[in-house]
PDB file of N, CA and C in Angstrom:
ATOM      1  N   UNK A   1       0.844  -1.176   0.000  1.00  0.00           N
ATOM      2  CA  UNK A   1       0.000   0.000   0.000  1.00  0.00           C
ATOM      3  C   UNK A   1       0.889   1.239   0.000  1.00  0.00           C
ATOM      4  N   UNK A   2       0.558   2.191  -0.826  1.00  0.00           N
ATOM      5  CA  UNK A   2       1.274   3.455  -0.902  1.00  0.00           C
ATOM      6  C   UNK A   2       0.859   4.328   0.276  1.00  0.00           C
ATOM      7  N   UNK A   3       1.823   4.818   1.022  1.00  0.00           N
ATOM      8  CA  UNK A   3       1.514   5.675   2.165  1.00  0.00           C
ATOM      9  C   UNK A   3       1.495   7.117   1.699  1.00  0.00           C
ATOM     10  N   UNK A   4       0.359   7.768   1.881  1.00  0.00           N
ATOM     11  CA  UNK A   4       0.208   9.188   1.562  1.00  0.00           C
ATOM     12  C   UNK A   4       0.028   9.950   2.863  1.00  0.00           C
ATOM     13  N   UNK A   5       0.026  11.284   2.780  1.00  0.00           N
ATOM     14  CA  UNK A   5      -0.152  12.097   3.981  1.00  0.00           C
ATOM     15  C   UNK A   5      -1.455  11.765   4.702  1.00  0.00           C
ATOM     16  N   UNK A   6      -2.499  11.431   3.943  1.00  0.00           N
ATOM     17  CA  UNK A   6      -3.801  11.217   4.570  1.00  0.00           C
ATOM     18  C   UNK A   6      -3.945   9.847   5.226  1.00  0.00           C
ATOM     19  N   UNK A   7      -3.060   8.880   4.911  1.00  0.00           N
ATOM     20  CA  UNK A   7      -3.213   7.566   5.532  1.00  0.00           C
ATOM     21  C   UNK A   7      -1.986   7.138   6.346  1.00  0.00           C
ATOM     22  N   UNK A   8      -1.156   8.074   6.717  1.00  0.00           N
ATOM     23  CA  UNK A   8      -0.023   7.748   7.578  1.00  0.00           C
ATOM     24  C   UNK A   8      -0.574   7.260   8.922  1.00  0.00           C
ATOM     25  N   UNK A   9       0.130   6.351   9.574  1.00  0.00           N
ATOM     26  CA  UNK A   9      -0.369   5.787  10.835  1.00  0.00           C
ATOM     27  C   UNK A   9      -0.740   6.841  11.882  1.00  0.00           C
ATOM     28  N   UNK A  10       0.051   7.904  12.005  1.00  0.00           N
ATOM     29  CA  UNK A  10      -0.265   8.911  13.019  1.00  0.00           C
ATOM     30  C   UNK A  10      -1.521   9.690  12.660  1.00  0.00           C
ATOM     31  N   UNK A  11      -1.804   9.864  11.353  1.00  0.00           N
ATOM     32  CA  UNK A  11      -3.050  10.521  10.958  1.00  0.00           C
ATOM     33  C   UNK A  11      -4.238   9.625  11.297  1.00  0.00           C
ATOM     34  N   UNK A  12      -4.080   8.337  11.038  1.00  0.00           N
ATOM     35  CA  UNK A  12      -5.151   7.395  11.357  1.00  0.00           C
ATOM     36  C   UNK A  12      -5.394   7.343  12.860  1.00  0.00           C
ATOM     37  N   UNK A  13      -4.321   7.356  13.629  1.00  0.00           N
ATOM     38  CA  UNK A  13      -4.451   7.344  15.086  1.00  0.00           C
ATOM     39  C   UNK A  13      -5.135   8.618  15.573  1.00  0.00           C
ATOM     40  N   UNK A  14      -4.767   9.747  14.988  1.00  0.00           N
ATOM     41  CA  UNK A  14      -5.387  11.019  15.364  1.00  0.00           C
ATOM     42  C   UNK A  14      -6.874  11.017  15.046  1.00  0.00           C
ATOM     43  N   UNK A  15      -7.227  10.533  13.850  1.00  0.00           N
ATOM     44  CA  UNK A  15      -8.649  10.457  13.476  1.00  0.00           C
ATOM     45  C   UNK A  15      -9.422   9.563  14.437  1.00  0.00           C
ATOM     46  N   UNK A  16      -8.821   8.453  14.808  1.00  0.00           N
ATOM     47  CA  UNK A  16      -9.464   7.519  15.732  1.00  0.00           C
ATOM     48  C   UNK A  16      -9.674   8.170  17.100  1.00  0.00           C
ATOM     49  N   UNK A  17      -8.666   8.879  17.575  1.00  0.00           N
ATOM     50  CA  UNK A  17      -8.789   9.576  18.859  1.00  0.00           C
ATOM     51  C   UNK A  17      -9.851  10.672  18.785  1.00  0.00           C
ATOM     52  N   UNK A  18      -9.884  11.402  17.682  1.00  0.00           N
ATOM     53  CA  UNK A  18     -10.876  12.461  17.511  1.00  0.00           C
ATOM     54  C   UNK A  18     -12.285  11.879  17.476  1.00  0.00           C
ATOM     55  N   UNK A  19     -12.436  10.774  16.771  1.00  0.00           N
ATOM     56  CA  UNK A  19     -13.738  10.106  16.695  1.00  0.00           C
ATOM     57  C   UNK A  19     -14.191   9.687  18.096  1.00  0.00           C
ATOM     58  N   UNK A  20     -13.290   9.114  18.880  1.00  0.00           N
ATOM     59  CA  UNK A  20     -13.622   8.691  20.241  1.00  0.00           C
ATOM     60  C   UNK A  20     -14.010   9.877  21.107  1.00  0.00           C
ATOM     61  N   UNK A  21     -13.267  10.968  20.969  1.00  0.00           N
ATOM     62  CA  UNK A  21     -13.573  12.170  21.733  1.00  0.00           C
ATOM     63  C   UNK A  21     -14.942  12.723  21.357  1.00  0.00           C
ATOM     64  N   UNK A  22     -15.227  12.802  20.051  1.00  0.00           N
ATOM     65  CA  UNK A  22     -16.534  13.292  19.599  1.00  0.00           C
ATOM     66  C   UNK A  22     -17.665  12.414  20.118  1.00  0.00           C
ATOM     67  N   UNK A  23     -17.483  11.105  20.061  1.00  0.00           N
ATOM     68  CA  UNK A  23     -18.508  10.198  20.561  1.00  0.00           C
ATOM     69  C   UNK A  23     -18.742  10.403  22.052  1.00  0.00           C
ATOM     70  N   UNK A  24     -17.656  10.572  22.799  1.00  0.00           N
ATOM     71  CA  UNK A  24     -17.782  10.785  24.246  1.00  0.00           C
ATOM     72  C   UNK A  24     -18.514  12.083  24.550  1.00  0.00           C
ATOM     73  N   UNK A  25     -18.198  13.135  23.801  1.00  0.00           N
ATOM     74  CA  UNK A  25     -18.862  14.420  24.046  1.00  0.00           C
ATOM     75  C   UNK A  25     -20.316  14.387  23.579  1.00  0.00           C
ATOM     76  N   UNK A  26     -20.604  13.687  22.489  1.00  0.00           N
ATOM     77  CA  UNK A  26     -22.001  13.523  22.059  1.00  0.00           C
ATOM     78  C   UNK A  26     -22.807  12.820  23.141  1.00  0.00           C
ATOM     79  N   UNK A  27     -22.198  11.833  23.784  1.00  0.00           N
ATOM     80  CA  UNK A  27     -22.880  11.113  24.862  1.00  0.00           C
ATOM     81  C   UNK A  27     -23.210  12.024  26.046  1.00  0.00           C
ATOM     82  N   UNK A  28     -22.490  13.123  26.185  1.00  0.00           N
ATOM     83  CA  UNK A  28     -22.737  14.050  27.292  1.00  0.00           C
ATOM     84  C   UNK A  28     -23.902  14.999  27.021  1.00  0.00           C
ATOM     85  N   UNK A  29     -24.320  15.111  25.767  1.00  0.00           N
ATOM     86  CA  UNK A  29     -25.441  15.989  25.450  1.00  0.00           C
ATOM     87  C   UNK A  29     -26.734  15.390  26.005  1.00  0.00           C
ATOM     88  N   UNK A  30     -27.666  16.239  26.435  1.00  0.00           N
ATOM     89  CA  UNK A  30     -28.975  15.720  26.835  1.00  0.00           C
ATOM     90  C   UNK A  30     -29.595  14.955  25.661  1.00  0.00           C
ATOM     91  N   UNK A  31     -30.318  13.892  25.970  1.00  0.00           N
ATOM     92  CA  UNK A  31     -30.833  13.003  24.929  1.00  0.00           C
ATOM     93  C   UNK A  31     -31.631  13.732  23.854  1.00  0.00           C
ATOM     94  N   UNK A  32     -32.468  14.681  24.240  1.00  0.00           N
ATOM     95  CA  UNK A  32     -33.303  15.367  23.249  1.00  0.00           C
ATOM     96  C   UNK A  32     -32.463  16.160  22.246  1.00  0.00           C
ATOM     97  N   UNK A  33     -31.331  16.695  22.688  1.00  0.00           N
ATOM     98  CA  UNK A  33     -30.439  17.441  21.802  1.00  0.00           C
ATOM     99  C   UNK A  33     -29.575  16.482  20.981  1.00  0.00           C
ATOM    100  N   UNK A  34     -29.090  15.430  21.652  1.00  0.00           N
ATOM    101  CA  UNK A  34     -28.249  14.436  20.972  1.00  0.00           C
ATOM    102  C   UNK A  34     -29.013  13.776  19.821  1.00  0.00           C
ATOM    103  N   UNK A  35     -30.294  13.435  20.061  1.00  0.00           N
ATOM    104  CA  UNK A  35     -31.103  12.782  19.030  1.00  0.00           C
ATOM    105  C   UNK A  35     -31.252  13.675  17.806  1.00  0.00           C
ATOM    106  N   UNK A  36     -31.566  14.932  18.024  1.00  0.00           N
ATOM    107  CA  UNK A  36     -31.710  15.866  16.911  1.00  0.00           C
ATOM    108  C   UNK A  36     -30.374  16.037  16.195  1.00  0.00           C
ATOM    109  N   UNK A  37     -29.297  16.181  16.960  1.00  0.00           N
ATOM    110  CA  UNK A  37     -27.981  16.367  16.352  1.00  0.00           C
ATOM    111  C   UNK A  37     -27.620  15.183  15.456  1.00  0.00           C
ATOM    112  N   UNK A  38     -27.817  13.978  15.957  1.00  0.00           N
ATOM    113  CA  UNK A  38     -27.448  12.789  15.185  1.00  0.00           C
ATOM    114  C   UNK A  38     -28.290  12.688  13.915  1.00  0.00           C
ATOM    115  N   UNK A  39     -29.585  12.920  14.029  1.00  0.00           N
ATOM    116  CA  UNK A  39     -30.432  12.833  12.840  1.00  0.00           C
ATOM    117  C   UNK A  39     -30.051  13.891  11.799  1.00  0.00           C
ATOM    118  N   UNK A  40     -29.773  15.111  12.263  1.00  0.00           N
ATOM    119  CA  UNK A  40     -29.460  16.198  11.323  1.00  0.00           C
ATOM    120  C   UNK A  40     -28.021  16.121  10.809  1.00  0.00           C
ATOM    121  N   UNK A  41     -27.051  15.964  11.712  1.00  0.00           N
ATOM    122  CA  UNK A  41     -25.644  16.075  11.327  1.00  0.00           C
ATOM    123  C   UNK A  41     -25.011  14.761  10.893  1.00  0.00           C
ATOM    124  N   UNK A  42     -25.433  13.668  11.478  1.00  0.00           N
ATOM    125  CA  UNK A  42     -24.830  12.387  11.140  1.00  0.00           C
ATOM    126  C   UNK A  42     -25.629  11.688  10.038  1.00  0.00           C
ATOM    127  N   UNK A  43     -26.930  11.601  10.250  1.00  0.00           N
ATOM    128  CA  UNK A  43     -27.791  10.936   9.266  1.00  0.00           C
ATOM    129  C   UNK A  43     -28.182  11.858   8.106  1.00  0.00           C
ATOM    130  N   UNK A  44     -27.862  13.143   8.244  1.00  0.00           N
ATOM    131  CA  UNK A  44     -28.116  14.160   7.216  1.00  0.00           C
ATOM    132  C   UNK A  44     -29.589  14.261   6.816  1.00  0.00           C
ATOM    133  N   UNK A  45     -30.465  14.102   7.810  1.00  0.00           N
ATOM    134  CA  UNK A  45     -31.889  14.274   7.552  1.00  0.00           C
ATOM    135  C   UNK A  45     -32.198  15.766   7.485  1.00  0.00           C
ATOM    136  N   UNK A  46     -33.201  16.120   6.724  1.00  0.00           N
ATOM    137  CA  UNK A  46     -33.621  17.517   6.647  1.00  0.00           C
ATOM    138  C   UNK A  46     -34.355  17.894   7.930  1.00  0.00           C
ATOM    139  N   UNK A  47     -34.574  19.185   8.106  1.00  0.00           N
ATOM    140  CA  UNK A  47     -35.338  19.657   9.263  1.00  0.00           C
ATOM    141  C   UNK A  47     -36.730  19.035   9.242  1.00  0.00           C
ATOM    142  N   UNK A  48     -37.343  19.040   8.078  1.00  0.00           N
ATOM    143  CA  UNK A  48     -38.697  18.494   7.954  1.00  0.00           C
ATOM    144  C   UNK A  48     -38.721  16.996   8.275  1.00  0.00           C
ATOM    145  N   UNK A  49     -37.766  16.245   7.729  1.00  0.00           N
ATOM    146  CA  UNK A  49     -37.706  14.805   8.003  1.00  0.00           C
ATOM    147  C   UNK A  49     -37.497  14.535   9.495  1.00  0.00           C
ATOM    148  N   UNK A  50     -36.614  15.296  10.107  1.00  0.00           N
ATOM    149  CA  UNK A  50     -36.337  15.125  11.534  1.00  0.00           C
ATOM    150  C   UNK A  50     -37.574  15.443  12.357  1.00  0.00           C
ATOM    151  N   UNK A  51     -38.254  16.524  12.011  1.00  0.00           N
ATOM    152  CA  UNK A  51     -39.465  16.918  12.732  1.00  0.00           C
ATOM    153  C   UNK A  51     -40.533  15.830  12.629  1.00  0.00           C
ATOM    154  N   UNK A  52     -40.716  15.289  11.427  1.00  0.00           N
ATOM    155  CA  UNK A  52     -41.704  14.223  11.244  1.00  0.00           C
ATOM    156  C   UNK A  52     -41.315  12.972  12.027  1.00  0.00           C
ATOM    157  N   UNK A  53     -40.052  12.628  11.985  1.00  0.00           N
ATOM    158  CA  UNK A  53     -39.550  11.438  12.677  1.00  0.00           C
ATOM    159  C   UNK A  53     -39.748  11.542  14.188  1.00  0.00           C
ATOM    160  N   UNK A  54     -39.507  12.721  14.740  1.00  0.00           N
ATOM    161  CA  UNK A  54     -39.575  12.913  16.193  1.00  0.00           C
ATOM    162  C   UNK A  54     -40.919  13.459  16.668  1.00  0.00           C
ATOM    163  N   UNK A  55     -41.780  13.814  15.722  1.00  0.00           N
ATOM    164  CA  UNK A  55     -43.093  14.344  16.092  1.00  0.00           C
ATOM    165  C   UNK A  55     -43.021  15.671  16.815  1.00  0.00           C
ATOM    166  N   UNK A  56     -42.201  16.560  16.296  1.00  0.00           N
ATOM    167  CA  UNK A  56     -42.056  17.887  16.905  1.00  0.00           C
ATOM    168  C   UNK A  56     -42.047  18.944  15.812  1.00  0.00           C
ATOM    169  N   UNK A  57     -42.325  20.194  16.186  1.00  0.00           N
ATOM    170  CA  UNK A  57     -42.299  21.273  15.189  1.00  0.00           C
ATOM    171  C   UNK A  57     -40.895  21.476  14.603  1.00  0.00           C
ATOM    172  N   UNK A  58     -40.859  21.935  13.352  1.00  0.00           N
ATOM    173  CA  UNK A  58     -39.578  22.197  12.689  1.00  0.00           C
ATOM    174  C   UNK A  58     -38.761  23.236  13.436  1.00  0.00           C
ATOM    175  N   UNK A  59     -39.425  24.223  14.025  1.00  0.00           N
ATOM    176  CA  UNK A  59     -38.710  25.258  14.788  1.00  0.00           C
ATOM    177  C   UNK A  59     -37.975  24.639  15.979  1.00  0.00           C
ATOM    178  N   UNK A  60     -38.563  23.641  16.591  1.00  0.00           N
ATOM    179  CA  UNK A  60     -37.920  22.963  17.719  1.00  0.00           C
ATOM    180  C   UNK A  60     -36.688  22.200  17.244  1.00  0.00           C
ATOM    181  N   UNK A  61     -36.796  21.558  16.083  1.00  0.00           N
ATOM    182  CA  UNK A  61     -35.653  20.847  15.510  1.00  0.00           C
ATOM    183  C   UNK A  61     -34.509  21.828  15.260  1.00  0.00           C
ATOM    184  N   UNK A  62     -34.822  22.953  14.654  1.00  0.00           N
ATOM    185  CA  UNK A  62     -33.779  23.959  14.371  1.00  0.00           C
ATOM    186  C   UNK A  62     -33.126  24.447  15.660  1.00  0.00           C
ATOM    187  N   UNK A  63     -33.948  24.751  16.643  1.00  0.00           N
ATOM    188  CA  UNK A  63     -33.449  25.263  17.910  1.00  0.00           C
ATOM    189  C   UNK A  63     -32.569  24.231  18.620  1.00  0.00           C
ATOM    190  N   UNK A  64     -33.035  22.998  18.692  1.00  0.00           N
ATOM    191  CA  UNK A  64     -32.264  21.960  19.381  1.00  0.00           C
ATOM    192  C   UNK A  64     -30.969  21.642  18.643  1.00  0.00           C
ATOM    193  N   UNK A  65     -31.019  21.660  17.327  1.00  0.00           N
ATOM    194  CA  UNK A  65     -29.791  21.396  16.556  1.00  0.00           C
ATOM    195  C   UNK A  65     -28.774  22.509  16.786  1.00  0.00           C
ATOM    196  N   UNK A  66     -29.245  23.737  16.780  1.00  0.00           N
ATOM    197  CA  UNK A  66     -28.357  24.877  17.026  1.00  0.00           C
ATOM    198  C   UNK A  66     -27.756  24.788  18.438  1.00  0.00           C
ATOM    199  N   UNK A  67     -28.589  24.502  19.419  1.00  0.00           N
ATOM    200  CA  UNK A  67     -28.108  24.416  20.805  1.00  0.00           C
ATOM    201  C   UNK A  67     -27.181  23.215  21.003  1.00  0.00           C
ATOM    202  N   UNK A  68     -27.477  22.093  20.340  1.00  0.00           N
ATOM    203  CA  UNK A  68     -26.609  20.919  20.436  1.00  0.00           C
ATOM    204  C   UNK A  68     -25.220  21.244  19.873  1.00  0.00           C
ATOM    205  N   UNK A  69     -25.189  21.946  18.744  1.00  0.00           N
ATOM    206  CA  UNK A  69     -23.905  22.368  18.170  1.00  0.00           C
ATOM    207  C   UNK A  69     -23.141  23.254  19.137  1.00  0.00           C
ATOM    208  N   UNK A  70     -23.837  24.193  19.749  1.00  0.00           N
ATOM    209  CA  UNK A  70     -23.186  25.112  20.696  1.00  0.00           C
ATOM    210  C   UNK A  70     -22.649  24.352  21.909  1.00  0.00           C
ATOM    211  N   UNK A  71     -23.433  23.422  22.440  1.00  0.00           N
ATOM    212  CA  UNK A  71     -22.980  22.633  23.592  1.00  0.00           C
ATOM    213  C   UNK A  71     -21.774  21.775  23.224  1.00  0.00           C
ATOM    214  N   UNK A  72     -21.823  21.171  22.060  1.00  0.00           N
ATOM    215  CA  UNK A  72     -20.725  20.326  21.608  1.00  0.00           C
ATOM    216  C   UNK A  72     -19.444  21.142  21.423  1.00  0.00           C
ATOM    217  N   UNK A  73     -19.569  22.327  20.817  1.00  0.00           N
ATOM    218  CA  UNK A  73     -18.401  23.204  20.657  1.00  0.00           C
ATOM    219  C   UNK A  73     -17.803  23.569  22.013  1.00  0.00           C
ATOM    220  N   UNK A  74     -18.669  23.870  22.985  1.00  0.00           N
ATOM    221  CA  UNK A  74     -18.198  24.251  24.316  1.00  0.00           C
ATOM    222  C   UNK A  74     -17.453  23.092  24.986  1.00  0.00           C
ATOM    223  N   UNK A  75     -18.013  21.893  24.895  1.00  0.00           N
ATOM    224  CA  UNK A  75     -17.362  20.723  25.479  1.00  0.00           C
ATOM    225  C   UNK A  75     -16.010  20.459  24.816  1.00  0.00           C
ATOM    226  N   UNK A  76     -15.974  20.535  23.499  1.00  0.00           N
ATOM    227  CA  UNK A  76     -14.724  20.289  22.774  1.00  0.00           C
ATOM    228  C   UNK A  76     -13.689  21.382  23.029  1.00  0.00           C
ATOM    229  N   UNK A  77     -14.148  22.616  23.183  1.00  0.00           N
ATOM    230  CA  UNK A  77     -13.225  23.726  23.476  1.00  0.00           C
ATOM    231  C   UNK A  77     -12.531  23.492  24.813  1.00  0.00           C
ATOM    232  N   UNK A  78     -13.257  22.987  25.795  1.00  0.00           N
ATOM    233  CA  UNK A  78     -12.639  22.673  27.091  1.00  0.00           C
ATOM    234  C   UNK A  78     -11.548  21.621  26.929  1.00  0.00           C
ATOM    235  N   UNK A  79     -11.850  20.596  26.121  1.00  0.00           N
ATOM    236  CA  UNK A  79     -10.855  19.548  25.882  1.00  0.00           C
ATOM    237  C   UNK A  79      -9.613  20.121  25.215  1.00  0.00           C
ATOM    238  N   UNK A  80      -9.813  20.966  24.209  1.00  0.00           N
ATOM    239  CA  UNK A  80      -8.671  21.549  23.496  1.00  0.00           C
ATOM    240  C   UNK A  80      -7.866  22.473  24.391  1.00  0.00           C
ATOM    241  N   UNK A  81      -8.548  23.253  25.234  1.00  0.00           N
ATOM    242  CA  UNK A  81      -7.838  24.148  26.143  1.00  0.00           C
ATOM    243  C   UNK A  81      -6.951  23.363  27.104  1.00  0.00           C
ATOM    244  N   UNK A  82      -7.495  22.305  27.694  1.00  0.00           N
ATOM    245  CA  UNK A  82      -6.701  21.527  28.651  1.00  0.00           C
ATOM    246  C   UNK A  82      -5.575  20.779  27.946  1.00  0.00           C
ATOM    247  N   UNK A  83      -5.822  20.310  26.726  1.00  0.00           N
ATOM    248  CA  UNK A  83      -4.781  19.616  25.963  1.00  0.00           C
ATOM    249  C   UNK A  83      -3.656  20.574  25.601  1.00  0.00           C
ATOM    250  N   UNK A  84      -4.016  21.788  25.201  1.00  0.00           N
ATOM    251  CA  UNK A  84      -2.992  22.776  24.841  1.00  0.00           C
ATOM    252  C   UNK A  84      -2.118  23.107  26.043  1.00  0.00           C
ATOM    253  N   UNK A  85      -2.743  23.259  27.212  1.00  0.00           N
ATOM    254  CA  UNK A  85      -1.954  23.546  28.419  1.00  0.00           C
ATOM    255  C   UNK A  85      -0.982  22.411  28.699  1.00  0.00           C
ATOM    256  N   UNK A  86      -1.467  21.180  28.613  1.00  0.00           N
ATOM    257  CA  UNK A  86      -0.610  20.019  28.883  1.00  0.00           C
ATOM    258  C   UNK A  86       0.485  19.880  27.833  1.00  0.00           C
ATOM    259  N   UNK A  87       0.153  20.164  26.587  1.00  0.00           N
ATOM    260  CA  UNK A  87       1.104  20.013  25.492  1.00  0.00           C
ATOM    261  C   UNK A  87       2.263  20.983  25.619  1.00  0.00           C
ATOM    262  N   UNK A  88       1.968  22.212  26.025  1.00  0.00           N
ATOM    263  CA  UNK A  88       2.995  23.235  26.066  1.00  0.00           C
ATOM    264  C   UNK A  88       3.505  23.517  27.473  1.00  0.00           C
ATOM    265  N   UNK A  89       3.235  22.629  28.388  1.00  0.00           N
ATOM    266  CA  UNK A  89       3.742  22.769  29.744  1.00  0.00           C
ATOM    267  C   UNK A  89       5.147  22.177  29.781  1.00  0.00           C
ATOM    268  N   UNK A  90       6.139  22.989  30.102  1.00  0.00           N
ATOM    269  CA  UNK A  90       7.522  22.537  30.105  1.00  0.00           C
ATOM    270  C   UNK A  90       7.985  22.337  31.539  1.00  0.00           C
ATOM    271  N   UNK A  91       8.802  21.310  31.724  1.00  0.00           N
ATOM    272  CA  UNK A  91       9.371  21.106  33.042  1.00  0.00           C
ATOM    273  C   UNK A  91      10.657  20.306  32.924  1.00  0.00           C
ATOM    274  N   UNK A  92      11.555  20.596  33.810  1.00  0.00           N
ATOM    275  CA  UNK A  92      12.788  19.832  33.934  1.00  0.00           C
ATOM    276  C   UNK A  92      13.562  19.648  32.648  1.00  0.00           C
ATOM    277  N   UNK A  93      13.972  18.400  32.421  1.00  0.00           N
ATOM    278  CA  UNK A  93      14.804  18.059  31.263  1.00  0.00           C
ATOM    279  C   UNK A  93      14.117  18.407  29.946  1.00  0.00           C
ATOM    280  N   UNK A  94      12.826  18.215  29.899  1.00  0.00           N
ATOM    281  CA  UNK A  94      12.087  18.520  28.673  1.00  0.00           C
ATOM    282  C   UNK A  94      12.219  20.007  28.343  1.00  0.00           C
ATOM    283  N   UNK A  95      12.096  20.854  29.340  1.00  0.00           N
ATOM    284  CA  UNK A  95      12.220  22.294  29.134  1.00  0.00           C
ATOM    285  C   UNK A  95      13.636  22.640  28.678  1.00  0.00           C
ATOM    286  N   UNK A  96      14.623  22.058  29.326  1.00  0.00           N
ATOM    287  CA  UNK A  96      16.022  22.322  28.960  1.00  0.00           C
ATOM    288  C   UNK A  96      16.295  21.924  27.513  1.00  0.00           C
ATOM    289  N   UNK A  97      15.772  20.784  27.097  1.00  0.00           N
ATOM    290  CA  UNK A  97      15.967  20.302  25.727  1.00  0.00           C
ATOM    291  C   UNK A  97      15.334  21.267  24.728  1.00  0.00           C
ATOM    292  N   UNK A  98      14.138  21.731  25.016  1.00  0.00           N
ATOM    293  CA  UNK A  98      13.441  22.635  24.099  1.00  0.00           C
ATOM    294  C   UNK A  98      14.159  23.979  24.024  1.00  0.00           C
ATOM    295  N   UNK A  99      14.570  24.508  25.161  1.00  0.00           N
ATOM    296  CA  UNK A  99      15.279  25.793  25.182  1.00  0.00           C
ATOM    297  C   UNK A  99      16.597  25.671  24.414  1.00  0.00           C
ATOM    298  N   UNK A 100      17.332  24.577  24.623  1.00  0.00           N
ATOM    299  CA  UNK A 100      18.600  24.383  23.908  1.00  0.00           C
ATOM    300  C   UNK A 100      18.367  24.309  22.401  1.00  0.00           C
ATOM    301  N   UNK A 101      17.308  23.630  21.998  1.00  0.00           N
ATOM    302  CA  UNK A 101      16.966  23.525  20.576  1.00  0.00           C
ATOM    303  C   UNK A 101      16.647  24.886  19.982  1.00  0.00           C
ATOM    304  N   UNK A 102      15.901  25.689  20.702  1.00  0.00           N
ATOM    305  CA  UNK A 102      15.531  27.020  20.212  1.00  0.00           C
ATOM    306  C   UNK A 102      16.778  27.903  20.131  1.00  0.00           C
ATOM    307  N   UNK A 103      17.609  27.856  21.157  1.00  0.00           N
ATOM    308  CA  UNK A 103      18.796  28.703  21.162  1.00  0.00           C
ATOM    309  C   UNK A 103      19.776  28.345  20.049  1.00  0.00           C
ATOM    310  N   UNK A 104      19.814  27.096  19.628  1.00  0.00           N
ATOM    311  CA  UNK A 104      20.675  26.706  18.511  1.00  0.00           C
ATOM    312  C   UNK A 104      20.232  27.387  17.206  1.00  0.00           C
ATOM    313  N   UNK A 105      18.974  27.703  17.129  1.00  0.00           N
ATOM    314  CA  UNK A 105      18.437  28.291  15.889  1.00  0.00           C
ATOM    315  C   UNK A 105      18.490  29.819  15.889  1.00  0.00           C
ATOM    316  N   UNK A 106      18.788  30.393  17.038  1.00  0.00           N
ATOM    317  CA  UNK A 106      18.851  31.854  17.136  1.00  0.00           C
ATOM    318  C   UNK A 106      20.239  32.293  16.703  1.00  0.00           C
ATOM    319  N   UNK A 107      20.279  33.225  15.728  1.00  0.00           N
ATOM    320  CA  UNK A 107      21.601  33.694  15.277  1.00  0.00           C
ATOM    321  C   UNK A 107      22.365  34.379  16.401  1.00  0.00           C
ATOM    322  N   UNK A 108      23.681  34.174  16.418  1.00  0.00           N
ATOM    323  CA  UNK A 108      24.515  34.801  17.439  1.00  0.00           C
ATOM    324  C   UNK A 108      24.489  36.314  17.283  1.00  0.00           C
ATOM    325  N   UNK A 109      24.394  36.998  18.404  1.00  0.00           N
ATOM    326  CA  UNK A 109      24.303  38.466  18.366  1.00  0.00           C
ATOM    327  C   UNK A 109      25.677  39.088  18.240  1.00  0.00           C
TER     328      UNK A 109
END
């Protein structure tokens, strides 16, 4: 198999981790919002189809889908914020290695 940028093992691992994270955060949404989100965003049903399927007004479908998106973004933003802090937190030998690497690239004054 030819390895391209899109199918390198680390890309596949990242996609798998992202999928798991999205599934976990979807599970945290209240059921009424999660159901609308899945029908609209995953199953790609129209507002009308979703409303008929769930027996609710189209305006409710729109509202719940919008709110589900907002809740999901908020949950994912928290994950990204904490990951960024952990990723760029330097300590001990790791910090020394990074500083030495950066200083090697800085032209001598």
